[in-house]
Amino acid sequence: MYKYIMAFNQAYSELLAKLPASIINEAWIRLTSRKHNPLSEKEASEINPIVESFLKHEAIRYQKRLIRQRRTQSWPECPTSFKKIPFIFVSDNDTQTDNITWPEALKYDHKEENNRRVMNELKVLSQHLLDYNKRTFEKFMRDVNLEYNEWVNTNKKMRYEIKDLK
């Protein structure tokens, strides 16, 4: 591996302050040792539009990467408003700081409590799903039922006409 002496111009100090040392080192290596039109160390250490645009580009890439890493996992878009969904607030019951000894805490069966909470959540979610389906598919189902009833009525009329012809 080559050892490079980096000496970017002081005019780029604001751009260099936005980048970590590893990226600054990599930028110097890339500018001075690229295949097509490599810059000499003298050119790279002077004020040069190529160096400036490259450092700006690297700073933007680095900032975008930081933003992407800070972003938490987002859920897919939900058509229902979150204001309509009831919130469940978790409170601190001081269960771990109580004076209950560990064997006594093990005696308590958490299975029933967990099952009860899960069932309550399932009920709430199923109700939300039913409401959403009703709002979304109500007109569609109405149209399908109307069309079906028209077909049934037309079919009955045809049967009566055939019966009358016999």
N, C-alpha and C. Protein backbone atom coordinates (compact mmCIF):
# COMPACT_ATOMS: atom_id res chain seq x y z
N MET A 1 0.85 -1.17 0.00
CA MET A 1 0.00 0.00 0.00
C MET A 1 0.89 1.24 0.00
N TYR A 2 0.46 2.21 -0.75
CA TYR A 2 1.22 3.44 -0.85
C TYR A 2 0.96 4.34 0.34
N LYS A 3 1.93 5.10 0.70
CA LYS A 3 1.75 6.07 1.77
C LYS A 3 1.67 7.45 1.12
N TYR A 4 0.55 8.12 1.32
CA TYR A 4 0.34 9.41 0.70
C TYR A 4 0.42 10.50 1.75
N ILE A 5 0.94 11.63 1.35
CA ILE A 5 0.95 12.79 2.22
C ILE A 5 -0.17 13.70 1.72
N MET A 6 -1.24 13.77 2.49
CA MET A 6 -2.39 14.56 2.08
C MET A 6 -2.14 16.02 2.43
N ALA A 7 -2.43 16.88 1.48
CA ALA A 7 -2.27 18.30 1.73
C ALA A 7 -3.32 19.05 0.93
N PHE A 8 -4.60 18.87 1.28
CA PHE A 8 -5.64 19.63 0.61
C PHE A 8 -5.48 21.10 0.97
N ASN A 9 -5.89 21.96 0.07
CA ASN A 9 -5.79 23.40 0.29
C ASN A 9 -6.70 23.83 1.44
N GLN A 10 -6.30 24.88 2.14
CA GLN A 10 -7.07 25.38 3.29
C GLN A 10 -8.44 25.91 2.87
N ALA A 11 -8.62 26.22 1.60
CA ALA A 11 -9.91 26.72 1.11
C ALA A 11 -10.99 25.66 1.25
N TYR A 12 -10.59 24.41 1.33
CA TYR A 12 -11.55 23.31 1.44
C TYR A 12 -11.76 22.86 2.88
N SER A 13 -11.35 23.65 3.84
CA SER A 13 -11.43 23.23 5.25
C SER A 13 -12.88 23.01 5.70
N GLU A 14 -13.84 23.80 5.17
CA GLU A 14 -15.25 23.59 5.54
C GLU A 14 -15.74 22.24 5.04
N LEU A 15 -15.40 21.91 3.81
CA LEU A 15 -15.81 20.62 3.25
C LEU A 15 -15.13 19.47 4.00
N LEU A 16 -13.85 19.65 4.29
CA LEU A 16 -13.11 18.59 4.97
C LEU A 16 -13.60 18.38 6.40
N ALA A 17 -14.14 19.43 7.01
CA ALA A 17 -14.64 19.31 8.38
C ALA A 17 -15.89 18.43 8.43
N LYS A 18 -16.59 18.30 7.31
CA LYS A 18 -17.81 17.49 7.27
C LYS A 18 -17.50 16.00 7.09
N LEU A 19 -16.25 15.69 6.73
CA LEU A 19 -15.89 14.31 6.42
C LEU A 19 -14.97 13.72 7.48
N PRO A 20 -15.09 12.41 7.73
CA PRO A 20 -14.15 11.76 8.65
C PRO A 20 -12.79 11.57 7.95
N ALA A 21 -11.79 11.32 8.75
CA ALA A 21 -10.42 11.20 8.23
C ALA A 21 -10.29 10.07 7.20
N SER A 22 -11.01 8.98 7.40
CA SER A 22 -10.90 7.85 6.47
C SER A 22 -11.38 8.24 5.08
N ILE A 23 -12.45 9.00 5.00
CA ILE A 23 -12.98 9.40 3.69
C ILE A 23 -12.07 10.46 3.06
N ILE A 24 -11.50 11.34 3.88
CA ILE A 24 -10.56 12.34 3.36
C ILE A 24 -9.35 11.63 2.76
N ASN A 25 -8.83 10.64 3.46
CA ASN A 25 -7.68 9.88 2.97
C ASN A 25 -8.04 9.16 1.67
N GLU A 26 -9.20 8.54 1.66
CA GLU A 26 -9.65 7.82 0.46
C GLU A 26 -9.83 8.78 -0.72
N ALA A 27 -10.36 9.97 -0.45
CA ALA A 27 -10.56 10.96 -1.51
C ALA A 27 -9.22 11.39 -2.10
N TRP A 28 -8.23 11.60 -1.24
CA TRP A 28 -6.90 11.98 -1.72
C TRP A 28 -6.32 10.88 -2.62
N ILE A 29 -6.45 9.65 -2.17
CA ILE A 29 -5.92 8.52 -2.96
C ILE A 29 -6.65 8.42 -4.29
N ARG A 30 -7.96 8.56 -4.27
CA ARG A 30 -8.74 8.46 -5.51
C ARG A 30 -8.39 9.57 -6.49
N LEU A 31 -8.19 10.79 -5.97
CA LEU A 31 -7.86 11.90 -6.87
C LEU A 31 -6.46 11.76 -7.48
N THR A 32 -5.52 11.29 -6.70
CA THR A 32 -4.13 11.25 -7.18
C THR A 32 -3.75 9.95 -7.87
N SER A 33 -4.58 8.93 -7.79
CA SER A 33 -4.17 7.66 -8.41
C SER A 33 -5.27 7.05 -9.27
N ARG A 34 -6.16 7.86 -9.80
CA ARG A 34 -7.19 7.28 -10.68
C ARG A 34 -6.61 6.98 -12.06
N LYS A 35 -7.30 6.12 -12.81
CA LYS A 35 -6.78 5.67 -14.11
C LYS A 35 -6.75 6.81 -15.13
N HIS A 36 -7.87 7.50 -15.27
CA HIS A 36 -7.97 8.55 -16.28
C HIS A 36 -7.75 9.90 -15.63
N ASN A 37 -6.83 10.64 -16.16
CA ASN A 37 -6.51 12.00 -15.70
C ASN A 37 -6.25 12.09 -14.20
N PRO A 38 -5.29 11.36 -13.69
CA PRO A 38 -4.98 11.52 -12.26
C PRO A 38 -4.35 12.89 -12.01
N LEU A 39 -4.65 13.44 -10.85
CA LEU A 39 -4.07 14.73 -10.48
C LEU A 39 -2.74 14.49 -9.79
N SER A 40 -1.81 15.39 -10.05
CA SER A 40 -0.55 15.30 -9.32
C SER A 40 -0.81 15.79 -7.90
N GLU A 41 0.11 15.49 -7.00
CA GLU A 41 -0.08 15.92 -5.61
C GLU A 41 -0.10 17.44 -5.53
N LYS A 42 0.66 18.09 -6.41
CA LYS A 42 0.67 19.56 -6.42
C LYS A 42 -0.69 20.09 -6.86
N GLU A 43 -1.27 19.50 -7.95
CA GLU A 43 -2.58 19.94 -8.43
C GLU A 43 -3.66 19.69 -7.39
N ALA A 44 -3.58 18.56 -6.72
CA ALA A 44 -4.59 18.22 -5.72
C ALA A 44 -4.49 19.10 -4.49
N SER A 45 -3.31 19.62 -4.21
CA SER A 45 -3.16 20.45 -3.02
C SER A 45 -3.44 21.93 -3.29
N GLU A 46 -3.63 22.29 -4.55
CA GLU A 46 -3.97 23.67 -4.90
C GLU A 46 -5.49 23.80 -5.03
N ILE A 47 -5.95 25.03 -5.24
CA ILE A 47 -7.38 25.24 -5.49
C ILE A 47 -7.65 24.76 -6.90
N ASN A 48 -8.54 23.78 -6.99
CA ASN A 48 -8.81 23.14 -8.27
C ASN A 48 -10.31 22.82 -8.31
N PRO A 49 -11.00 23.18 -9.41
CA PRO A 49 -12.44 22.89 -9.48
C PRO A 49 -12.76 21.40 -9.43
N ILE A 50 -11.86 20.58 -9.93
CA ILE A 50 -12.09 19.13 -9.89
C ILE A 50 -12.07 18.65 -8.44
N VAL A 51 -11.09 19.12 -7.68
CA VAL A 51 -10.98 18.73 -6.27
C VAL A 51 -12.19 19.24 -5.50
N GLU A 52 -12.58 20.48 -5.77
CA GLU A 52 -13.71 21.07 -5.05
C GLU A 52 -15.00 20.29 -5.33
N SER A 53 -15.28 20.01 -6.59
CA SER A 53 -16.51 19.29 -6.92
C SER A 53 -16.48 17.87 -6.34
N PHE A 54 -15.30 17.24 -6.37
CA PHE A 54 -15.20 15.89 -5.81
C PHE A 54 -15.44 15.89 -4.31
N LEU A 55 -14.86 16.85 -3.60
CA LEU A 55 -15.06 16.92 -2.15
C LEU A 55 -16.51 17.25 -1.80
N LYS A 56 -17.14 18.12 -2.59
CA LYS A 56 -18.57 18.42 -2.37
C LYS A 56 -19.40 17.16 -2.55
N HIS A 57 -19.09 16.44 -3.62
CA HIS A 57 -19.81 15.20 -3.90
C HIS A 57 -19.65 14.20 -2.75
N GLU A 58 -18.44 14.04 -2.26
CA GLU A 58 -18.19 13.12 -1.15
C GLU A 58 -18.89 13.57 0.12
N ALA A 59 -18.92 14.88 0.38
CA ALA A 59 -19.60 15.39 1.58
C ALA A 59 -21.09 15.12 1.50
N ILE A 60 -21.68 15.33 0.33
CA ILE A 60 -23.12 15.06 0.15
C ILE A 60 -23.41 13.58 0.34
N ARG A 61 -22.59 12.72 -0.27
CA ARG A 61 -22.79 11.27 -0.11
C ARG A 61 -22.70 10.86 1.35
N TYR A 62 -21.73 11.41 2.06
CA TYR A 62 -21.54 11.05 3.47
C TYR A 62 -22.72 11.52 4.31
N GLN A 63 -23.21 12.73 4.07
CA GLN A 63 -24.36 13.25 4.83
C GLN A 63 -25.60 12.40 4.55
N LYS A 64 -25.81 12.02 3.30
CA LYS A 64 -26.97 11.17 2.97
C LYS A 64 -26.87 9.81 3.65
N ARG A 65 -25.66 9.26 3.69
CA ARG A 65 -25.46 7.97 4.35
C ARG A 65 -25.76 8.07 5.84
N LEU A 66 -25.34 9.18 6.46
CA LEU A 66 -25.62 9.38 7.89
C LEU A 66 -27.12 9.47 8.13
N ILE A 67 -27.81 10.21 7.29
CA ILE A 67 -29.27 10.36 7.44
C ILE A 67 -29.95 9.01 7.28
N ARG A 68 -29.51 8.23 6.28
CA ARG A 68 -30.10 6.92 6.04
C ARG A 68 -29.87 5.99 7.23
N GLN A 69 -28.71 6.08 7.87
CA GLN A 69 -28.42 5.22 9.01
C GLN A 69 -29.23 5.62 10.23
N ARG A 70 -29.51 6.92 10.38
CA ARG A 70 -30.27 7.39 11.53
C ARG A 70 -31.75 7.06 11.42
N ARG A 71 -32.21 6.89 10.20
CA ARG A 71 -33.62 6.64 9.97
C ARG A 71 -34.02 5.30 10.56
N THR A 72 -35.14 5.28 11.26
CA THR A 72 -35.62 4.03 11.83
C THR A 72 -36.43 3.28 10.78
N GLN A 73 -36.68 2.03 11.05
CA GLN A 73 -37.48 1.23 10.13
C GLN A 73 -38.90 1.77 10.11
N SER A 74 -39.37 2.12 8.94
CA SER A 74 -40.72 2.66 8.85
C SER A 74 -41.66 1.57 8.36
N TRP A 75 -42.89 1.64 8.81
CA TRP A 75 -43.91 0.68 8.41
C TRP A 75 -44.52 1.12 7.10
N PRO A 76 -45.10 0.19 6.34
CA PRO A 76 -45.76 0.58 5.10
C PRO A 76 -46.90 1.54 5.39
N GLU A 77 -47.27 2.29 4.38
CA GLU A 77 -48.34 3.27 4.55
C GLU A 77 -49.62 2.58 4.99
N CYS A 78 -50.26 3.14 5.95
CA CYS A 78 -51.51 2.61 6.48
C CYS A 78 -52.62 3.57 6.07
N PRO A 79 -53.65 3.10 5.35
CA PRO A 79 -54.68 4.01 4.87
C PRO A 79 -55.54 4.59 5.99
N THR A 80 -55.63 3.91 7.12
CA THR A 80 -56.44 4.45 8.20
C THR A 80 -55.62 5.44 8.99
N SER A 81 -56.31 6.39 9.53
CA SER A 81 -55.63 7.41 10.33
C SER A 81 -55.24 6.81 11.67
N PHE A 82 -54.06 7.14 12.12
CA PHE A 82 -53.61 6.62 13.41
C PHE A 82 -54.37 7.26 14.56
N LYS A 83 -55.04 8.37 14.28
CA LYS A 83 -55.81 9.01 15.34
C LYS A 83 -57.02 8.16 15.71
N LYS A 84 -57.47 7.32 14.78
CA LYS A 84 -58.64 6.48 15.04
C LYS A 84 -58.28 5.23 15.84
N ILE A 85 -57.02 4.83 15.81
CA ILE A 85 -56.59 3.63 16.50
C ILE A 85 -56.31 3.97 17.96
N PRO A 86 -56.91 3.22 18.89
CA PRO A 86 -56.67 3.54 20.30
C PRO A 86 -55.24 3.20 20.69
N PHE A 87 -54.69 4.02 21.54
CA PHE A 87 -53.32 3.81 22.00
C PHE A 87 -53.32 2.93 23.23
N ILE A 88 -52.26 2.17 23.38
CA ILE A 88 -52.06 1.37 24.58
C ILE A 88 -50.82 1.93 25.25
N PHE A 89 -51.00 2.46 26.43
CA PHE A 89 -49.88 3.04 27.15
C PHE A 89 -49.32 2.00 28.11
N VAL A 90 -48.03 1.80 28.06
CA VAL A 90 -47.37 0.85 28.95
C VAL A 90 -46.87 1.64 30.15
N SER A 91 -47.25 1.18 31.31
CA SER A 91 -46.82 1.88 32.52
C SER A 91 -45.80 1.03 33.27
N ASP A 92 -44.99 1.68 34.04
CA ASP A 92 -43.98 1.00 34.84
C ASP A 92 -44.62 0.60 36.16
N ASN A 93 -44.74 -0.70 36.37
CA ASN A 93 -45.37 -1.21 37.59
C ASN A 93 -44.35 -1.51 38.68
N ASP A 94 -43.12 -1.17 38.47
CA ASP A 94 -42.04 -1.44 39.42
C ASP A 94 -41.97 -2.92 39.79
N THR A 95 -42.25 -3.80 38.84
CA THR A 95 -42.26 -5.23 39.16
C THR A 95 -40.87 -5.75 39.47
N GLN A 96 -39.86 -5.18 38.84
CA GLN A 96 -38.51 -5.67 39.11
C GLN A 96 -37.91 -5.03 40.35
N THR A 97 -38.47 -3.92 40.79
CA THR A 97 -37.90 -3.25 41.96
C THR A 97 -38.70 -3.53 43.23
N ASP A 98 -39.79 -4.30 43.11
CA ASP A 98 -40.56 -4.65 44.31
C ASP A 98 -39.72 -5.53 45.22
N ASN A 99 -40.19 -5.68 46.43
CA ASN A 99 -39.47 -6.51 47.40
C ASN A 99 -39.88 -7.98 47.30
N ILE A 100 -40.41 -8.37 46.15
CA ILE A 100 -40.78 -9.76 45.93
C ILE A 100 -39.51 -10.55 45.66
N THR A 101 -39.39 -11.65 46.32
CA THR A 101 -38.20 -12.48 46.09
C THR A 101 -38.36 -13.21 44.77
N TRP A 102 -37.26 -13.62 44.19
CA TRP A 102 -37.26 -14.24 42.87
C TRP A 102 -38.11 -15.51 42.80
N PRO A 103 -38.02 -16.46 43.74
CA PRO A 103 -38.87 -17.66 43.65
C PRO A 103 -40.36 -17.32 43.70
N GLU A 104 -40.74 -16.30 44.47
CA GLU A 104 -42.15 -15.92 44.52
C GLU A 104 -42.59 -15.34 43.19
N ALA A 105 -41.72 -14.61 42.54
CA ALA A 105 -42.05 -14.03 41.24
C ALA A 105 -42.21 -15.12 40.20
N LEU A 106 -41.45 -16.21 40.34
CA LEU A 106 -41.57 -17.31 39.38
C LEU A 106 -42.89 -18.05 39.55
N LYS A 107 -43.47 -18.01 40.74
CA LYS A 107 -44.73 -18.71 40.98
C LYS A 107 -45.87 -18.10 40.18
N TYR A 108 -45.80 -16.80 39.96
CA TYR A 108 -46.87 -16.12 39.24
C TYR A 108 -46.84 -16.54 37.77
N ASP A 109 -47.97 -16.98 37.27
CA ASP A 109 -48.05 -17.45 35.89
C ASP A 109 -48.38 -16.27 34.97
N HIS A 110 -47.43 -15.89 34.16
CA HIS A 110 -47.62 -14.76 33.24
C HIS A 110 -48.34 -15.17 31.97
N LYS A 111 -48.52 -16.48 31.77
CA LYS A 111 -49.13 -16.96 30.55
C LYS A 111 -50.55 -16.43 30.38
N GLU A 112 -51.33 -16.50 31.43
CA GLU A 112 -52.72 -16.05 31.35
C GLU A 112 -52.80 -14.55 31.07
N GLU A 113 -51.96 -13.80 31.74
CA GLU A 113 -51.94 -12.35 31.53
C GLU A 113 -51.54 -12.01 30.09
N ASN A 114 -50.53 -12.68 29.58
CA ASN A 114 -50.10 -12.45 28.20
C ASN A 114 -51.18 -12.85 27.21
N ASN A 115 -51.81 -14.01 27.44
CA ASN A 115 -52.88 -14.45 26.56
C ASN A 115 -54.04 -13.47 26.56
N ARG A 116 -54.39 -12.95 27.73
CA ARG A 116 -55.48 -11.99 27.82
C ARG A 116 -55.15 -10.72 27.04
N ARG A 117 -53.92 -10.24 27.19
CA ARG A 117 -53.52 -9.03 26.46
C ARG A 117 -53.51 -9.25 24.95
N VAL A 118 -52.99 -10.41 24.54
CA VAL A 118 -52.95 -10.73 23.11
C VAL A 118 -54.36 -10.82 22.54
N MET A 119 -55.26 -11.47 23.28
CA MET A 119 -56.64 -11.59 22.80
C MET A 119 -57.31 -10.22 22.69
N ASN A 120 -57.05 -9.35 23.66
CA ASN A 120 -57.61 -7.99 23.58
C ASN A 120 -57.08 -7.25 22.36
N GLU A 121 -55.78 -7.38 22.11
CA GLU A 121 -55.19 -6.73 20.94
C GLU A 121 -55.78 -7.30 19.65
N LEU A 122 -55.98 -8.63 19.62
CA LEU A 122 -56.57 -9.26 18.44
C LEU A 122 -57.98 -8.75 18.19
N LYS A 123 -58.75 -8.59 19.26
CA LYS A 123 -60.11 -8.07 19.10
C LYS A 123 -60.08 -6.67 18.52
N VAL A 124 -59.20 -5.82 19.04
CA VAL A 124 -59.11 -4.45 18.55
C VAL A 124 -58.68 -4.44 17.08
N LEU A 125 -57.66 -5.23 16.75
CA LEU A 125 -57.17 -5.27 15.37
C LEU A 125 -58.22 -5.84 14.41
N SER A 126 -58.94 -6.87 14.84
CA SER A 126 -59.96 -7.44 13.96
C SER A 126 -61.09 -6.44 13.73
N GLN A 127 -61.43 -5.67 14.76
CA GLN A 127 -62.46 -4.65 14.59
C GLN A 127 -62.00 -3.57 13.62
N HIS A 128 -60.73 -3.18 13.73
CA HIS A 128 -60.19 -2.19 12.79
C HIS A 128 -60.20 -2.74 11.37
N LEU A 129 -59.87 -4.01 11.22
CA LEU A 129 -59.88 -4.63 9.90
C LEU A 129 -61.28 -4.67 9.32
N LEU A 130 -62.25 -5.04 10.15
CA LEU A 130 -63.64 -5.07 9.68
C LEU A 130 -64.11 -3.68 9.27
N ASP A 131 -63.79 -2.68 10.08
CA ASP A 131 -64.18 -1.30 9.73
C ASP A 131 -63.52 -0.85 8.43
N TYR A 132 -62.25 -1.17 8.29
CA TYR A 132 -61.53 -0.79 7.08
C TYR A 132 -62.15 -1.48 5.86
N ASN A 133 -62.41 -2.78 5.97
CA ASN A 133 -63.01 -3.51 4.85
C ASN A 133 -64.38 -2.97 4.51
N LYS A 134 -65.14 -2.63 5.53
CA LYS A 134 -66.48 -2.09 5.29
C LYS A 134 -66.38 -0.78 4.53
N ARG A 135 -65.49 0.11 4.98
CA ARG A 135 -65.33 1.40 4.30
C ARG A 135 -64.81 1.22 2.88
N THR A 136 -63.90 0.29 2.70
CA THR A 136 -63.24 0.14 1.40
C THR A 136 -64.12 -0.58 0.38
N PHE A 137 -64.76 -1.66 0.81
CA PHE A 137 -65.46 -2.52 -0.14
C PHE A 137 -66.98 -2.36 -0.12
N GLU A 138 -67.51 -1.43 0.63
CA GLU A 138 -68.96 -1.29 0.75
C GLU A 138 -69.60 -0.97 -0.60
N LYS A 139 -69.08 0.01 -1.33
CA LYS A 139 -69.65 0.39 -2.62
C LYS A 139 -69.49 -0.76 -3.62
N PHE A 140 -68.33 -1.39 -3.61
CA PHE A 140 -68.09 -2.50 -4.53
C PHE A 140 -69.09 -3.63 -4.29
N MET A 141 -69.29 -4.00 -3.02
CA MET A 141 -70.23 -5.08 -2.70
C MET A 141 -71.66 -4.68 -3.05
N ARG A 142 -72.00 -3.41 -2.83
CA ARG A 142 -73.34 -2.94 -3.18
C ARG A 142 -73.57 -3.09 -4.68
N ASP A 143 -72.58 -2.71 -5.49
CA ASP A 143 -72.69 -2.83 -6.94
C ASP A 143 -72.79 -4.29 -7.37
N VAL A 144 -72.01 -5.16 -6.75
CA VAL A 144 -72.06 -6.59 -7.09
C VAL A 144 -73.42 -7.17 -6.73
N ASN A 145 -73.93 -6.83 -5.55
CA ASN A 145 -75.25 -7.32 -5.14
C ASN A 145 -76.35 -6.81 -6.05
N LEU A 146 -76.26 -5.55 -6.45
CA LEU A 146 -77.26 -4.98 -7.35
C LEU A 146 -77.25 -5.71 -8.69
N GLU A 147 -76.07 -5.95 -9.21
CA GLU A 147 -75.94 -6.66 -10.48
C GLU A 147 -76.48 -8.09 -10.35
N TYR A 148 -76.16 -8.74 -9.23
CA TYR A 148 -76.64 -10.10 -8.99
C TYR A 148 -78.17 -10.12 -8.93
N ASN A 149 -78.76 -9.19 -8.21
CA ASN A 149 -80.22 -9.14 -8.10
C ASN A 149 -80.87 -8.88 -9.45
N GLU A 150 -80.26 -8.05 -10.28
CA GLU A 150 -80.79 -7.82 -11.63
C GLU A 150 -80.76 -9.10 -12.44
N TRP A 151 -79.67 -9.85 -12.32
CA TRP A 151 -79.57 -11.12 -13.04
C TRP A 151 -80.65 -12.10 -12.56
N VAL A 152 -80.85 -12.16 -11.25
CA VAL A 152 -81.86 -13.06 -10.70
C VAL A 152 -83.24 -12.67 -11.19
N ASN A 153 -83.56 -11.39 -11.16
CA ASN A 153 -84.88 -10.92 -11.62
C ASN A 153 -85.08 -11.19 -13.10
N THR A 154 -84.06 -10.95 -13.89
CA THR A 154 -84.14 -11.22 -15.33
C THR A 154 -84.34 -12.71 -15.57
N ASN A 155 -83.64 -13.53 -14.82
CA ASN A 155 -83.76 -14.98 -14.95
C ASN A 155 -85.17 -15.44 -14.59
N LYS A 156 -85.74 -14.87 -13.52
CA LYS A 156 -87.11 -15.24 -13.13
C LYS A 156 -88.10 -14.86 -14.21
N LYS A 157 -87.95 -13.67 -14.78
CA LYS A 157 -88.85 -13.22 -15.85
C LYS A 157 -88.78 -14.17 -17.04
N MET A 158 -87.55 -14.57 -17.38
CA MET A 158 -87.38 -15.49 -18.52
C MET A 158 -88.06 -16.83 -18.24
N ARG A 159 -87.96 -17.31 -17.00
CA ARG A 159 -88.61 -18.58 -16.65
C ARG A 159 -90.12 -18.47 -16.77
N TYR A 160 -90.67 -17.36 -16.26
CA TYR A 160 -92.13 -17.17 -16.34
C TYR A 160 -92.58 -17.07 -17.79
N GLU A 161 -91.80 -16.40 -18.62
CA GLU A 161 -92.16 -16.29 -20.04
C GLU A 161 -92.12 -17.65 -20.71
N ILE A 162 -91.10 -18.45 -20.38
CA ILE A 162 -91.00 -19.80 -20.96
C ILE A 162 -92.15 -20.66 -20.47
N LYS A 163 -92.52 -20.52 -19.21
CA LYS A 163 -93.62 -21.28 -18.64
C LYS A 163 -94.94 -20.91 -19.34
N ASP A 164 -95.12 -19.61 -19.58
CA ASP A 164 -96.33 -19.14 -20.24
C ASP A 164 -96.41 -19.62 -21.69
N LEU A 165 -95.30 -19.77 -22.34
CA LEU A 165 -95.28 -20.23 -23.73
C LEU A 165 -95.63 -21.70 -23.84
N LYS A 166 -95.42 -22.48 -22.80
CA LYS A 166 -95.72 -23.91 -22.85
C LYS A 166 -97.15 -24.15 -22.74
